[in-house]
C-alpha cells in the first residue's frame, strides 16, 4: 500500500512539475524579468553618465529603447499568479473527499504502475 501511495505521490508531483502551462509561464517570466533588469540597469547607467559628464546621454540605441519592459514584466507576473494548471484543478477537486486516494488513482489510471518513477520523470 505504501508503494502505491509513493508512486501516486510521484505521479502527482510529476504531473504538476511537467505541466506545459507552468513551463511556458516560468519561461516568459524569466525572459521579461531579464529584459526589464537590462532596461533598468541601462537607464541607471545612462543617468550616471549624464550626471558625471554633464551631457544628455543618447539611449536611443539601447535594445530596450521605447519598449515598456516594466509593463511586460508586470503582465508576465500577473499571468503566472493567475496560472491555471488543469491537472492541479483535478487534484484539488479530489482532495476534500474521504476517498481521495481512490479518486487520485482514477485521475492517474493511465500511468503505468510498474514504470520507473522519480521526480522529473513523466509517468507513461
PDB file of N, CA and C in Angstrom:
ATOM      1  N   UNK A   1       0.827  -1.199   0.000  1.00  0.00           N
ATOM      2  CA  UNK A   1       0.000   0.000   0.000  1.00  0.00           C
ATOM      3  C   UNK A   1       0.865   1.254   0.000  1.00  0.00           C
ATOM      4  N   UNK A   2       1.967   1.232   0.794  1.00  0.00           N
ATOM      5  CA  UNK A   2       2.829   2.408   0.844  1.00  0.00           C
ATOM      6  C   UNK A   2       3.503   2.642  -0.502  1.00  0.00           C
ATOM      7  N   UNK A   3       3.857   1.549  -1.201  1.00  0.00           N
ATOM      8  CA  UNK A   3       4.485   1.680  -2.512  1.00  0.00           C
ATOM      9  C   UNK A   3       3.527   2.334  -3.498  1.00  0.00           C
ATOM     10  N   UNK A   4       2.245   1.950  -3.439  1.00  0.00           N
ATOM     11  CA  UNK A   4       1.238   2.535  -4.328  1.00  0.00           C
ATOM     12  C   UNK A   4       1.085   4.028  -4.021  1.00  0.00           C
ATOM     13  N   UNK A   5       1.047   4.392  -2.725  1.00  0.00           N
ATOM     14  CA  UNK A   5       0.921   5.792  -2.347  1.00  0.00           C
ATOM     15  C   UNK A   5       2.154   6.595  -2.765  1.00  0.00           C
ATOM     16  N   UNK A   6       3.313   5.984  -2.683  1.00  0.00           N
ATOM     17  CA  UNK A   6       4.543   6.660  -3.096  1.00  0.00           C
ATOM     18  C   UNK A   6       4.528   6.913  -4.595  1.00  0.00           C
ATOM     19  N   UNK A   7       4.160   5.901  -5.365  1.00  0.00           N
ATOM     20  CA  UNK A   7       4.077   6.043  -6.822  1.00  0.00           C
ATOM     21  C   UNK A   7       3.029   7.097  -7.175  1.00  0.00           C
ATOM     22  N   UNK A   8       1.915   7.084  -6.472  1.00  0.00           N
ATOM     23  CA  UNK A   8       0.869   8.065  -6.704  1.00  0.00           C
ATOM     24  C   UNK A   8       1.378   9.474  -6.388  1.00  0.00           C
ATOM     25  N   UNK A   9       2.129   9.619  -5.312  1.00  0.00           N
ATOM     26  CA  UNK A   9       2.701  10.919  -4.954  1.00  0.00           C
ATOM     27  C   UNK A   9       3.653  11.420  -6.037  1.00  0.00           C
ATOM     28  N   UNK A  10       4.459  10.513  -6.575  1.00  0.00           N
ATOM     29  CA  UNK A  10       5.367  10.899  -7.654  1.00  0.00           C
ATOM     30  C   UNK A  10       4.600  11.294  -8.911  1.00  0.00           C
ATOM     31  N   UNK A  11       3.531  10.585  -9.196  1.00  0.00           N
ATOM     32  CA  UNK A  11       2.720  10.924 -10.364  1.00  0.00           C
ATOM     33  C   UNK A  11       2.093  12.303 -10.202  1.00  0.00           C
ATOM     34  N   UNK A  12       1.618  12.617  -8.998  1.00  0.00           N
ATOM     35  CA  UNK A  12       1.041  13.939  -8.733  1.00  0.00           C
ATOM     36  C   UNK A  12       2.112  15.012  -8.919  1.00  0.00           C
ATOM     37  N   UNK A  13       3.276  14.814  -8.304  1.00  0.00           N
ATOM     38  CA  UNK A  13       4.357  15.797  -8.404  1.00  0.00           C
ATOM     39  C   UNK A  13       4.805  15.983  -9.848  1.00  0.00           C
ATOM     40  N   UNK A  14       5.000  14.900 -10.561  1.00  0.00           N
ATOM     41  CA  UNK A  14       5.450  14.985 -11.952  1.00  0.00           C
ATOM     42  C   UNK A  14       4.416  15.669 -12.843  1.00  0.00           C
ATOM     43  N   UNK A  15       3.150  15.384 -12.613  1.00  0.00           N
ATOM     44  CA  UNK A  15       2.118  15.987 -13.459  1.00  0.00           C
ATOM     45  C   UNK A  15       2.064  17.499 -13.268  1.00  0.00           C
ATOM     46  N   UNK A  16       2.364  17.971 -12.076  1.00  0.00           N
ATOM     47  CA  UNK A  16       2.379  19.414 -11.829  1.00  0.00           C
ATOM     48  C   UNK A  16       3.672  20.029 -12.357  1.00  0.00           C
ATOM     49  N   UNK A  17       4.808  19.434 -12.007  1.00  0.00           N
ATOM     50  CA  UNK A  17       6.096  19.996 -12.409  1.00  0.00           C
ATOM     51  C   UNK A  17       6.322  19.945 -13.911  1.00  0.00           C
ATOM     52  N   UNK A  18       5.737  18.983 -14.586  1.00  0.00           N
ATOM     53  CA  UNK A  18       5.937  18.832 -16.021  1.00  0.00           C
ATOM     54  C   UNK A  18       4.828  19.462 -16.858  1.00  0.00           C
ATOM     55  N   UNK A  19       3.952  20.234 -16.218  1.00  0.00           N
ATOM     56  CA  UNK A  19       2.852  20.870 -16.940  1.00  0.00           C
ATOM     57  C   UNK A  19       3.399  21.898 -17.932  1.00  0.00           C
ATOM     58  N   UNK A  20       2.947  21.820 -19.155  1.00  0.00           N
ATOM     59  CA  UNK A  20       3.380  22.741 -20.203  1.00  0.00           C
ATOM     60  C   UNK A  20       3.038  24.176 -19.832  1.00  0.00           C
ATOM     61  N   UNK A  21       1.877  24.368 -19.225  1.00  0.00           N
ATOM     62  CA  UNK A  21       1.453  25.717 -18.844  1.00  0.00           C
ATOM     63  C   UNK A  21       2.438  26.347 -17.865  1.00  0.00           C
ATOM     64  N   UNK A  22       2.937  25.546 -16.927  1.00  0.00           N
ATOM     65  CA  UNK A  22       3.902  26.040 -15.949  1.00  0.00           C
ATOM     66  C   UNK A  22       5.225  26.374 -16.632  1.00  0.00           C
ATOM     67  N   UNK A  23       5.693  25.507 -17.513  1.00  0.00           N
ATOM     68  CA  UNK A  23       6.944  25.758 -18.242  1.00  0.00           C
ATOM     69  C   UNK A  23       6.879  27.066 -19.025  1.00  0.00           C
ATOM     70  N   UNK A  24       5.774  27.258 -19.736  1.00  0.00           N
ATOM     71  CA  UNK A  24       5.630  28.457 -20.564  1.00  0.00           C
ATOM     72  C   UNK A  24       5.570  29.721 -19.707  1.00  0.00           C
ATOM     73  N   UNK A  25       4.829  29.665 -18.601  1.00  0.00           N
ATOM     74  CA  UNK A  25       4.699  30.844 -17.740  1.00  0.00           C
ATOM     75  C   UNK A  25       6.033  31.204 -17.086  1.00  0.00           C
ATOM     76  N   UNK A  26       6.779  30.208 -16.631  1.00  0.00           N
ATOM     77  CA  UNK A  26       8.076  30.463 -15.998  1.00  0.00           C
ATOM     78  C   UNK A  26       9.078  30.999 -17.026  1.00  0.00           C
ATOM     79  N   UNK A  27       9.078  30.442 -18.232  1.00  0.00           N
ATOM     80  CA  UNK A  27       9.989  30.929 -19.278  1.00  0.00           C
ATOM     81  C   UNK A  27       9.682  32.382 -19.632  1.00  0.00           C
ATOM     82  N   UNK A  28       8.400  32.708 -19.758  1.00  0.00           N
ATOM     83  CA  UNK A  28       8.008  34.083 -20.074  1.00  0.00           C
ATOM     84  C   UNK A  28       8.390  35.031 -18.944  1.00  0.00           C
ATOM     85  N   UNK A  29       8.201  34.596 -17.723  1.00  0.00           N
ATOM     86  CA  UNK A  29       8.557  35.407 -16.561  1.00  0.00           C
ATOM     87  C   UNK A  29      10.061  35.662 -16.514  1.00  0.00           C
ATOM     88  N   UNK A  30      10.847  34.643 -16.781  1.00  0.00           N
ATOM     89  CA  UNK A  30      12.306  34.804 -16.771  1.00  0.00           C
ATOM     90  C   UNK A  30      12.782  35.743 -17.882  1.00  0.00           C
ATOM     91  N   UNK A  31      12.210  35.609 -19.065  1.00  0.00           N
ATOM     92  CA  UNK A  31      12.630  36.467 -20.184  1.00  0.00           C
ATOM     93  C   UNK A  31      12.258  37.925 -19.937  1.00  0.00           C
ATOM     94  N   UNK A  32      11.060  38.174 -19.451  1.00  0.00           N
ATOM     95  CA  UNK A  32      10.652  39.556 -19.217  1.00  0.00           C
ATOM     96  C   UNK A  32      11.402  40.157 -18.037  1.00  0.00           C
ATOM     97  N   UNK A  33      11.710  39.356 -17.026  1.00  0.00           N
ATOM     98  CA  UNK A  33      12.491  39.854 -15.885  1.00  0.00           C
ATOM     99  C   UNK A  33      13.893  40.238 -16.342  1.00  0.00           C
ATOM    100  N   UNK A  34      14.487  39.418 -17.189  1.00  0.00           N
ATOM    101  CA  UNK A  34      15.819  39.707 -17.701  1.00  0.00           C
ATOM    102  C   UNK A  34      15.810  40.974 -18.549  1.00  0.00           C
ATOM    103  N   UNK A  35      14.831  41.119 -19.423  1.00  0.00           N
ATOM    104  CA  UNK A  35      14.729  42.309 -20.269  1.00  0.00           C
ATOM    105  C   UNK A  35      14.506  43.563 -19.429  1.00  0.00           C
ATOM    106  N   UNK A  36      13.631  43.456 -18.428  1.00  0.00           N
ATOM    107  CA  UNK A  36      13.367  44.613 -17.580  1.00  0.00           C
ATOM    108  C   UNK A  36      14.592  44.959 -16.749  1.00  0.00           C
ATOM    109  N   UNK A  37      15.292  43.971 -16.252  1.00  0.00           N
ATOM    110  CA  UNK A  37      16.511  44.217 -15.491  1.00  0.00           C
ATOM    111  C   UNK A  37      17.569  44.896 -16.338  1.00  0.00           C
ATOM    112  N   UNK A  38      17.696  44.453 -17.589  1.00  0.00           N
ATOM    113  CA  UNK A  38      18.644  45.071 -18.509  1.00  0.00           C
ATOM    114  C   UNK A  38      18.260  46.529 -18.761  1.00  0.00           C
ATOM    115  N   UNK A  39      16.967  46.758 -19.028  1.00  0.00           N
ATOM    116  CA  UNK A  39      16.499  48.112 -19.332  1.00  0.00           C
ATOM    117  C   UNK A  39      16.693  49.039 -18.142  1.00  0.00           C
ATOM    118  N   UNK A  40      16.358  48.563 -16.944  1.00  0.00           N
ATOM    119  CA  UNK A  40      16.505  49.400 -15.751  1.00  0.00           C
ATOM    120  C   UNK A  40      17.981  49.669 -15.461  1.00  0.00           C
ATOM    121  N   UNK A  41      18.830  48.690 -15.674  1.00  0.00           N
ATOM    122  CA  UNK A  41      20.265  48.869 -15.470  1.00  0.00           C
ATOM    123  C   UNK A  41      20.854  49.852 -16.466  1.00  0.00           C
ATOM    124  N   UNK A  42      20.429  49.747 -17.719  1.00  0.00           N
ATOM    125  CA  UNK A  42      20.920  50.657 -18.746  1.00  0.00           C
ATOM    126  C   UNK A  42      20.470  52.089 -18.438  1.00  0.00           C
ATOM    127  N   UNK A  43      19.230  52.233 -18.007  1.00  0.00           N
ATOM    128  CA  UNK A  43      18.707  53.550 -17.651  1.00  0.00           C
ATOM    129  C   UNK A  43      19.478  54.149 -16.481  1.00  0.00           C
ATOM    130  N   UNK A  44      19.758  53.330 -15.476  1.00  0.00           N
ATOM    131  CA  UNK A  44      20.525  53.789 -14.311  1.00  0.00           C
ATOM    132  C   UNK A  44      21.933  54.208 -14.734  1.00  0.00           C
ATOM    133  N   UNK A  45      22.558  53.429 -15.575  1.00  0.00           N
ATOM    134  CA  UNK A  45      23.904  53.738 -16.055  1.00  0.00           C
ATOM    135  C   UNK A  45      23.901  55.046 -16.852  1.00  0.00           C
ATOM    136  N   UNK A  46      22.909  55.228 -17.720  1.00  0.00           N
ATOM    137  CA  UNK A  46      22.859  56.456 -18.519  1.00  0.00           C
ATOM    138  C   UNK A  46      22.615  57.682 -17.639  1.00  0.00           C
ATOM    139  N   UNK A  47      21.883  57.517 -16.548  1.00  0.00           N
ATOM    140  CA  UNK A  47      21.698  58.631 -15.600  1.00  0.00           C
ATOM    141  C   UNK A  47      23.029  59.010 -14.954  1.00  0.00           C
ATOM    142  N   UNK A  48      23.823  58.020 -14.600  1.00  0.00           N
ATOM    143  CA  UNK A  48      25.131  58.295 -14.001  1.00  0.00           C
ATOM    144  C   UNK A  48      26.057  59.000 -14.997  1.00  0.00           C
ATOM    145  N   UNK A  49      26.036  58.549 -16.252  1.00  0.00           N
ATOM    146  CA  UNK A  49      26.880  59.170 -17.274  1.00  0.00           C
ATOM    147  C   UNK A  49      26.438  60.610 -17.520  1.00  0.00           C
ATOM    148  N   UNK A  50      25.120  60.824 -17.590  1.00  0.00           N
ATOM    149  CA  UNK A  50      24.597  62.177 -17.785  1.00  0.00           C
ATOM    150  C   UNK A  50      25.029  63.084 -16.642  1.00  0.00           C
ATOM    151  N   UNK A  51      24.929  62.575 -15.435  1.00  0.00           N
ATOM    152  CA  UNK A  51      25.309  63.370 -14.271  1.00  0.00           C
ATOM    153  C   UNK A  51      26.822  63.615 -14.224  1.00  0.00           C
ATOM    154  N   UNK A  52      27.606  62.602 -14.469  1.00  0.00           N
ATOM    155  CA  UNK A  52      29.065  62.720 -14.358  1.00  0.00           C
ATOM    156  C   UNK A  52      29.667  63.615 -15.447  1.00  0.00           C
ATOM    157  N   UNK A  53      29.157  63.474 -16.663  1.00  0.00           N
ATOM    158  CA  UNK A  53      29.741  64.218 -17.785  1.00  0.00           C
ATOM    159  C   UNK A  53      28.968  65.492 -18.116  1.00  0.00           C
ATOM    160  N   UNK A  54      27.868  65.694 -17.411  1.00  0.00           N
ATOM    161  CA  UNK A  54      27.008  66.856 -17.629  1.00  0.00           C
ATOM    162  C   UNK A  54      26.589  66.999 -19.098  1.00  0.00           C
ATOM    163  N   UNK A  55      26.258  65.855 -19.674  1.00  0.00           N
ATOM    164  CA  UNK A  55      25.733  65.818 -21.037  1.00  0.00           C
ATOM    165  C   UNK A  55      24.487  64.938 -21.034  1.00  0.00           C
ATOM    166  N   UNK A  56      23.644  65.141 -22.002  1.00  0.00           N
ATOM    167  CA  UNK A  56      22.468  64.279 -22.129  1.00  0.00           C
ATOM    168  C   UNK A  56      22.869  63.035 -22.919  1.00  0.00           C
ATOM    169  N   UNK A  57      22.840  61.887 -22.274  1.00  0.00           N
ATOM    170  CA  UNK A  57      23.241  60.632 -22.902  1.00  0.00           C
ATOM    171  C   UNK A  57      22.135  60.156 -23.836  1.00  0.00           C
ATOM    172  N   UNK A  58      22.510  59.814 -25.058  1.00  0.00           N
ATOM    173  CA  UNK A  58      21.555  59.321 -26.051  1.00  0.00           C
ATOM    174  C   UNK A  58      21.387  57.812 -25.867  1.00  0.00           C
ATOM    175  N   UNK A  59      20.224  57.412 -25.371  1.00  0.00           N
ATOM    176  CA  UNK A  59      19.983  55.979 -25.159  1.00  0.00           C
ATOM    177  C   UNK A  59      19.085  55.388 -26.243  1.00  0.00           C
ATOM    178  N   UNK A  60      18.969  56.063 -27.361  1.00  0.00           N
ATOM    179  CA  UNK A  60      18.102  55.580 -28.430  1.00  0.00           C
ATOM    180  C   UNK A  60      18.637  54.311 -29.091  1.00  0.00           C
ATOM    181  N   UNK A  61      19.905  53.997 -28.852  1.00  0.00           N
ATOM    182  CA  UNK A  61      20.481  52.779 -29.435  1.00  0.00           C
ATOM    183  C   UNK A  61      20.342  51.565 -28.519  1.00  0.00           C
ATOM    184  N   UNK A  62      19.768  51.782 -27.368  1.00  0.00           N
ATOM    185  CA  UNK A  62      19.553  50.686 -26.428  1.00  0.00           C
ATOM    186  C   UNK A  62      18.558  49.690 -27.025  1.00  0.00           C
ATOM    187  N   UNK A  63      18.784  48.435 -26.757  1.00  0.00           N
ATOM    188  CA  UNK A  63      17.891  47.387 -27.286  1.00  0.00           C
ATOM    189  C   UNK A  63      16.479  47.510 -26.730  1.00  0.00           C
ATOM    190  N   UNK A  64      16.337  48.147 -25.586  1.00  0.00           N
ATOM    191  CA  UNK A  64      15.020  48.268 -24.962  1.00  0.00           C
ATOM    192  C   UNK A  64      14.444  49.677 -25.085  1.00  0.00           C
ATOM    193  N   UNK A  65      15.029  50.513 -25.935  1.00  0.00           N
ATOM    194  CA  UNK A  65      14.539  51.877 -26.108  1.00  0.00           C
ATOM    195  C   UNK A  65      13.108  51.849 -26.649  1.00  0.00           C
ATOM    196  N   UNK A  66      12.223  52.543 -25.970  1.00  0.00           N
ATOM    197  CA  UNK A  66      10.833  52.616 -26.405  1.00  0.00           C
ATOM    198  C   UNK A  66      10.004  51.386 -26.097  1.00  0.00           C
ATOM    199  N   UNK A  67      10.580  50.417 -25.432  1.00  0.00           N
ATOM    200  CA  UNK A  67       9.862  49.185 -25.095  1.00  0.00           C
ATOM    201  C   UNK A  67       9.442  49.263 -23.627  1.00  0.00           C
ATOM    202  N   UNK A  68       8.189  48.965 -23.369  1.00  0.00           N
ATOM    203  CA  UNK A  68       7.686  49.001 -21.999  1.00  0.00           C
ATOM    204  C   UNK A  68       8.030  47.682 -21.309  1.00  0.00           C
ATOM    205  N   UNK A  69       9.278  47.570 -20.850  1.00  0.00           N
ATOM    206  CA  UNK A  69       9.711  46.320 -20.215  1.00  0.00           C
ATOM    207  C   UNK A  69       9.043  46.122 -18.864  1.00  0.00           C
ATOM    208  N   UNK A  70       8.765  47.214 -18.167  1.00  0.00           N
ATOM    209  CA  UNK A  70       8.086  47.086 -16.871  1.00  0.00           C
ATOM    210  C   UNK A  70       6.681  46.535 -17.051  1.00  0.00           C
ATOM    211  N   UNK A  71       5.984  47.006 -18.082  1.00  0.00           N
ATOM    212  CA  UNK A  71       4.634  46.515 -18.357  1.00  0.00           C
ATOM    213  C   UNK A  71       4.628  45.049 -18.751  1.00  0.00           C
ATOM    214  N   UNK A  72       5.603  44.654 -19.565  1.00  0.00           N
ATOM    215  CA  UNK A  72       5.690  43.250 -19.987  1.00  0.00           C
ATOM    216  C   UNK A  72       6.002  42.350 -18.798  1.00  0.00           C
ATOM    217  N   UNK A  73       6.892  42.818 -17.921  1.00  0.00           N
ATOM    218  CA  UNK A  73       7.238  42.038 -16.729  1.00  0.00           C
ATOM    219  C   UNK A  73       6.033  41.932 -15.788  1.00  0.00           C
ATOM    220  N   UNK A  74       5.317  43.040 -15.600  1.00  0.00           N
ATOM    221  CA  UNK A  74       4.123  43.022 -14.746  1.00  0.00           C
ATOM    222  C   UNK A  74       3.055  42.090 -15.315  1.00  0.00           C
ATOM    223  N   UNK A  75       2.895  42.096 -16.632  1.00  0.00           N
ATOM    224  CA  UNK A  75       1.917  41.206 -17.265  1.00  0.00           C
ATOM    225  C   UNK A  75       2.314  39.747 -17.100  1.00  0.00           C
ATOM    226  N   UNK A  76       3.610  39.442 -17.231  1.00  0.00           N
ATOM    227  CA  UNK A  76       4.086  38.064 -17.050  1.00  0.00           C
ATOM    228  C   UNK A  76       3.888  37.614 -15.607  1.00  0.00           C
ATOM    229  N   UNK A  77       4.130  38.510 -14.641  1.00  0.00           N
ATOM    230  CA  UNK A  77       3.902  38.156 -13.231  1.00  0.00           C
ATOM    231  C   UNK A  77       2.420  37.912 -12.972  1.00  0.00           C
ATOM    232  N   UNK A  78       1.559  38.757 -13.531  1.00  0.00           N
ATOM    233  CA  UNK A  78       0.115  38.573 -13.356  1.00  0.00           C
ATOM    234  C   UNK A  78      -0.344  37.260 -13.983  1.00  0.00           C
ATOM    235  N   UNK A  79       0.203  36.926 -15.147  1.00  0.00           N
ATOM    236  CA  UNK A  79      -0.123  35.667 -15.800  1.00  0.00           C
ATOM    237  C   UNK A  79       0.301  34.477 -14.944  1.00  0.00           C
ATOM    238  N   UNK A  80       1.496  34.561 -14.370  1.00  0.00           N
ATOM    239  CA  UNK A  80       1.995  33.487 -13.515  1.00  0.00           C
ATOM    240  C   UNK A  80       1.141  33.355 -12.247  1.00  0.00           C
ATOM    241  N   UNK A  81       0.784  34.499 -11.657  1.00  0.00           N
ATOM    242  CA  UNK A  81      -0.013  34.479 -10.426  1.00  0.00           C
ATOM    243  C   UNK A  81      -1.409  33.894 -10.641  1.00  0.00           C
ATOM    244  N   UNK A  82      -1.950  34.061 -11.843  1.00  0.00           N
ATOM    245  CA  UNK A  82      -3.292  33.543 -12.118  1.00  0.00           C
ATOM    246  C   UNK A  82      -3.260  32.253 -12.938  1.00  0.00           C
ATOM    247  N   UNK A  83      -2.118  31.596 -12.963  1.00  0.00           N
ATOM    248  CA  UNK A  83      -1.927  30.399 -13.766  1.00  0.00           C
ATOM    249  C   UNK A  83      -2.881  29.283 -13.340  1.00  0.00           C
ATOM    250  N   UNK A  84      -3.489  28.664 -14.324  1.00  0.00           N
ATOM    251  CA  UNK A  84      -4.368  27.526 -14.093  1.00  0.00           C
ATOM    252  C   UNK A  84      -3.743  26.304 -14.752  1.00  0.00           C
ATOM    253  N   UNK A  85      -3.448  25.300 -13.941  1.00  0.00           N
ATOM    254  CA  UNK A  85      -2.904  24.048 -14.448  1.00  0.00           C
ATOM    255  C   UNK A  85      -4.030  23.019 -14.363  1.00  0.00           C
ATOM    256  N   UNK A  86      -4.501  22.514 -15.499  1.00  0.00           N
ATOM    257  CA  UNK A  86      -5.670  21.626 -15.496  1.00  0.00           C
ATOM    258  C   UNK A  86      -5.548  20.433 -14.542  1.00  0.00           C
ATOM    259  N   UNK A  87      -4.397  19.772 -14.519  1.00  0.00           N
ATOM    260  CA  UNK A  87      -4.258  18.598 -13.655  1.00  0.00           C
ATOM    261  C   UNK A  87      -4.337  18.988 -12.183  1.00  0.00           C
ATOM    262  N   UNK A  88      -3.855  20.177 -11.858  1.00  0.00           N
ATOM    263  CA  UNK A  88      -3.906  20.649 -10.477  1.00  0.00           C
ATOM    264  C   UNK A  88      -5.346  20.884 -10.027  1.00  0.00           C
ATOM    265  N   UNK A  89      -6.172  21.359 -10.946  1.00  0.00           N
ATOM    266  CA  UNK A  89      -7.584  21.542 -10.624  1.00  0.00           C
ATOM    267  C   UNK A  89      -8.268  20.197 -10.360  1.00  0.00           C
ATOM    268  N   UNK A  90      -7.900  19.182 -11.125  1.00  0.00           N
ATOM    269  CA  UNK A  90      -8.449  17.838 -10.888  1.00  0.00           C
ATOM    270  C   UNK A  90      -8.003  17.295  -9.529  1.00  0.00           C
ATOM    271  N   UNK A  91      -6.740  17.515  -9.211  1.00  0.00           N
ATOM    272  CA  UNK A  91      -6.215  17.051  -7.924  1.00  0.00           C
ATOM    273  C   UNK A  91      -6.909  17.775  -6.778  1.00  0.00           C
ATOM    274  N   UNK A  92      -7.049  19.097  -6.915  1.00  0.00           N
ATOM    275  CA  UNK A  92      -7.722  19.888  -5.878  1.00  0.00           C
ATOM    276  C   UNK A  92      -9.155  19.435  -5.656  1.00  0.00           C
ATOM    277  N   UNK A  93      -9.831  19.051  -6.731  1.00  0.00           N
ATOM    278  CA  UNK A  93     -11.217  18.604  -6.580  1.00  0.00           C
ATOM    279  C   UNK A  93     -11.300  17.234  -5.901  1.00  0.00           C
ATOM    280  N   UNK A  94     -10.250  16.429  -5.993  1.00  0.00           N
ATOM    281  CA  UNK A  94     -10.265  15.094  -5.383  1.00  0.00           C
ATOM    282  C   UNK A  94      -9.905  15.120  -3.898  1.00  0.00           C
ATOM    283  N   UNK A  95      -9.088  16.067  -3.478  1.00  0.00           N
ATOM    284  CA  UNK A  95      -8.560  16.054  -2.108  1.00  0.00           C
ATOM    285  C   UNK A  95      -9.582  16.224  -0.982  1.00  0.00           C
ATOM    286  N   UNK A  96     -10.645  16.998  -1.121  1.00  0.00           N
ATOM    287  CA  UNK A  96     -11.573  17.155   0.008  1.00  0.00           C
ATOM    288  C   UNK A  96     -12.392  15.904   0.345  1.00  0.00           C
ATOM    289  N   UNK A  97     -12.403  14.925  -0.521  1.00  0.00           N
ATOM    290  CA  UNK A  97     -13.233  13.733  -0.318  1.00  0.00           C
ATOM    291  C   UNK A  97     -12.513  12.695   0.544  1.00  0.00           C
ATOM    292  N   UNK A  98     -13.272  11.924   1.331  1.00  0.00           N
ATOM    293  CA  UNK A  98     -12.653  10.901   2.185  1.00  0.00           C
ATOM    294  C   UNK A  98     -11.911   9.821   1.381  1.00  0.00           C
ATOM    295  N   UNK A  99     -12.381   9.551   0.176  1.00  0.00           N
ATOM    296  CA  UNK A  99     -11.736   8.537  -0.671  1.00  0.00           C
ATOM    297  C   UNK A  99     -10.813   9.188  -1.709  1.00  0.00           C
ATOM    298  N   UNK A 100     -10.082  10.218  -1.278  1.00  0.00           N
ATOM    299  CA  UNK A 100      -9.260  10.978  -2.218  1.00  0.00           C
ATOM    300  C   UNK A 100      -8.178  10.130  -2.883  1.00  0.00           C
ATOM    301  N   UNK A 101      -7.677   9.124  -2.205  1.00  0.00           N
ATOM    302  CA  UNK A 101      -6.640   8.281  -2.815  1.00  0.00           C
ATOM    303  C   UNK A 101      -7.211   7.529  -4.010  1.00  0.00           C
ATOM    304  N   UNK A 102      -8.406   7.004  -3.853  1.00  0.00           N
ATOM    305  CA  UNK A 102      -9.043   6.285  -4.967  1.00  0.00           C
ATOM    306  C   UNK A 102      -9.336   7.245  -6.126  1.00  0.00           C
ATOM    307  N   UNK A 103      -9.752   8.450  -5.796  1.00  0.00           N
ATOM    308  CA  UNK A 103     -10.021   9.443  -6.844  1.00  0.00           C
ATOM    309  C   UNK A 103      -8.739   9.831  -7.577  1.00  0.00           C
ATOM    310  N   UNK A 104      -7.637   9.962  -6.823  1.00  0.00           N
ATOM    311  CA  UNK A 104      -6.357  10.272  -7.461  1.00  0.00           C
ATOM    312  C   UNK A 104      -5.901   9.114  -8.342  1.00  0.00           C
ATOM    313  N   UNK A 105      -6.138   7.892  -7.886  1.00  0.00           N
ATOM    314  CA  UNK A 105      -5.782   6.729  -8.705  1.00  0.00           C
ATOM    315  C   UNK A 105      -6.561   6.737 -10.013  1.00  0.00           C
ATOM    316  N   UNK A 106      -7.818   7.169  -9.966  1.00  0.00           N
ATOM    317  CA  UNK A 106      -8.622   7.259 -11.182  1.00  0.00           C
ATOM    318  C   UNK A 106      -8.058   8.317 -12.136  1.00  0.00           C
ATOM    319  N   UNK A 107      -7.626   9.440 -11.567  1.00  0.00           N
ATOM    320  CA  UNK A 107      -7.061  10.509 -12.391  1.00  0.00           C
ATOM    321  C   UNK A 107      -5.807  10.017 -13.109  1.00  0.00           C
ATOM    322  N   UNK A 108      -4.979   9.258 -12.393  1.00  0.00           N
ATOM    323  CA  UNK A 108      -3.710   8.792 -12.946  1.00  0.00           C
ATOM    324  C   UNK A 108      -3.776   7.340 -13.389  1.00  0.00           C
ATOM    325  N   UNK A 109      -4.948   6.859 -13.751  1.00  0.00           N
ATOM    326  CA  UNK A 109      -5.120   5.454 -14.137  1.00  0.00           C
ATOM    327  C   UNK A 109      -4.306   5.097 -15.371  1.00  0.00           C
ATOM    328  N   UNK A 110      -4.011   6.061 -16.234  1.00  0.00           N
ATOM    329  CA  UNK A 110      -3.257   5.781 -17.456  1.00  0.00           C
ATOM    330  C   UNK A 110      -1.778   5.604 -17.223  1.00  0.00           C
ATOM    331  N   UNK A 111      -1.284   5.995 -16.056  1.00  0.00           N
ATOM    332  CA  UNK A 111       0.152   5.877 -15.776  1.00  0.00           C
ATOM    333  C   UNK A 111       0.483   4.452 -15.370  1.00  0.00           C
ATOM    334  N   UNK A 112       1.532   3.929 -15.947  1.00  0.00           N
ATOM    335  CA  UNK A 112       1.942   2.556 -15.641  1.00  0.00           C
ATOM    336  C   UNK A 112       2.520   2.498 -14.235  1.00  0.00           C
ATOM    337  N   UNK A 113       1.998   1.590 -13.422  1.00  0.00           N
ATOM    338  CA  UNK A 113       2.466   1.482 -12.039  1.00  0.00           C
ATOM    339  C   UNK A 113       3.841   0.823 -11.943  1.00  0.00           C
ATOM    340  N   UNK A 114       4.170  -0.008 -12.904  1.00  0.00           N
ATOM    341  CA  UNK A 114       5.452  -0.691 -12.820  1.00  0.00           C
ATOM    342  C   UNK A 114       6.575   0.102 -13.503  1.00  0.00           C
ATOM    343  N   UNK A 115       6.255   1.222 -14.131  1.00  0.00           N
ATOM    344  CA  UNK A 115       7.283   2.036 -14.775  1.00  0.00           C
ATOM    345  C   UNK A 115       8.130   2.711 -13.707  1.00  0.00           C
ATOM    346  N   UNK A 116       9.370   2.982 -14.054  1.00  0.00           N
ATOM    347  CA  UNK A 116      10.263   3.639 -13.109  1.00  0.00           C
ATOM    348  C   UNK A 116       9.752   5.054 -12.846  1.00  0.00           C
ATOM    349  N   UNK A 117       9.595   5.380 -11.591  1.00  0.00           N
ATOM    350  CA  UNK A 117       9.075   6.673 -11.199  1.00  0.00           C
ATOM    351  C   UNK A 117      10.145   7.447 -10.456  1.00  0.00           C
ATOM    352  N   UNK A 118      10.115   8.728 -10.601  1.00  0.00           N
ATOM    353  CA  UNK A 118      11.042   9.607  -9.873  1.00  0.00           C
ATOM    354  C   UNK A 118      10.724  11.033 -10.201  1.00  0.00           C
ATOM    355  N   UNK A 119      11.165  11.936  -9.364  1.00  0.00           N
ATOM    356  CA  UNK A 119      10.917  13.345  -9.610  1.00  0.00           C
ATOM    357  C   UNK A 119      11.598  13.724 -10.912  1.00  0.00           C
ATOM    358  N   UNK A 120      10.849  14.385 -11.762  1.00  0.00           N
ATOM    359  CA  UNK A 120      11.371  14.796 -13.056  1.00  0.00           C
ATOM    360  C   UNK A 120      11.133  13.782 -14.151  1.00  0.00           C
ATOM    361  N   UNK A 121      10.607  12.623 -13.808  1.00  0.00           N
ATOM    362  CA  UNK A 121      10.330  11.589 -14.800  1.00  0.00           C
ATOM    363  C   UNK A 121       8.822  11.557 -15.021  1.00  0.00           C
ATOM    364  N   UNK A 122       8.417  11.731 -16.237  1.00  0.00           N
ATOM    365  CA  UNK A 122       6.998  11.738 -16.568  1.00  0.00           C
ATOM    366  C   UNK A 122       6.482  10.315 -16.638  1.00  0.00           C
ATOM    367  N   UNK A 123       5.398  10.028 -15.884  1.00  0.00           N
ATOM    368  CA  UNK A 123       4.817   8.683 -15.986  1.00  0.00           C
ATOM    369  C   UNK A 123       4.279   8.430 -17.375  1.00  0.00           C
ATOM    370  N   UNK A 124       4.400   7.214 -17.833  1.00  0.00           N
ATOM    371  CA  UNK A 124       3.955   6.846 -19.179  1.00  0.00           C
ATOM    372  C   UNK A 124       2.491   6.468 -19.143  1.00  0.00           C
TER     373      UNK A 124
END
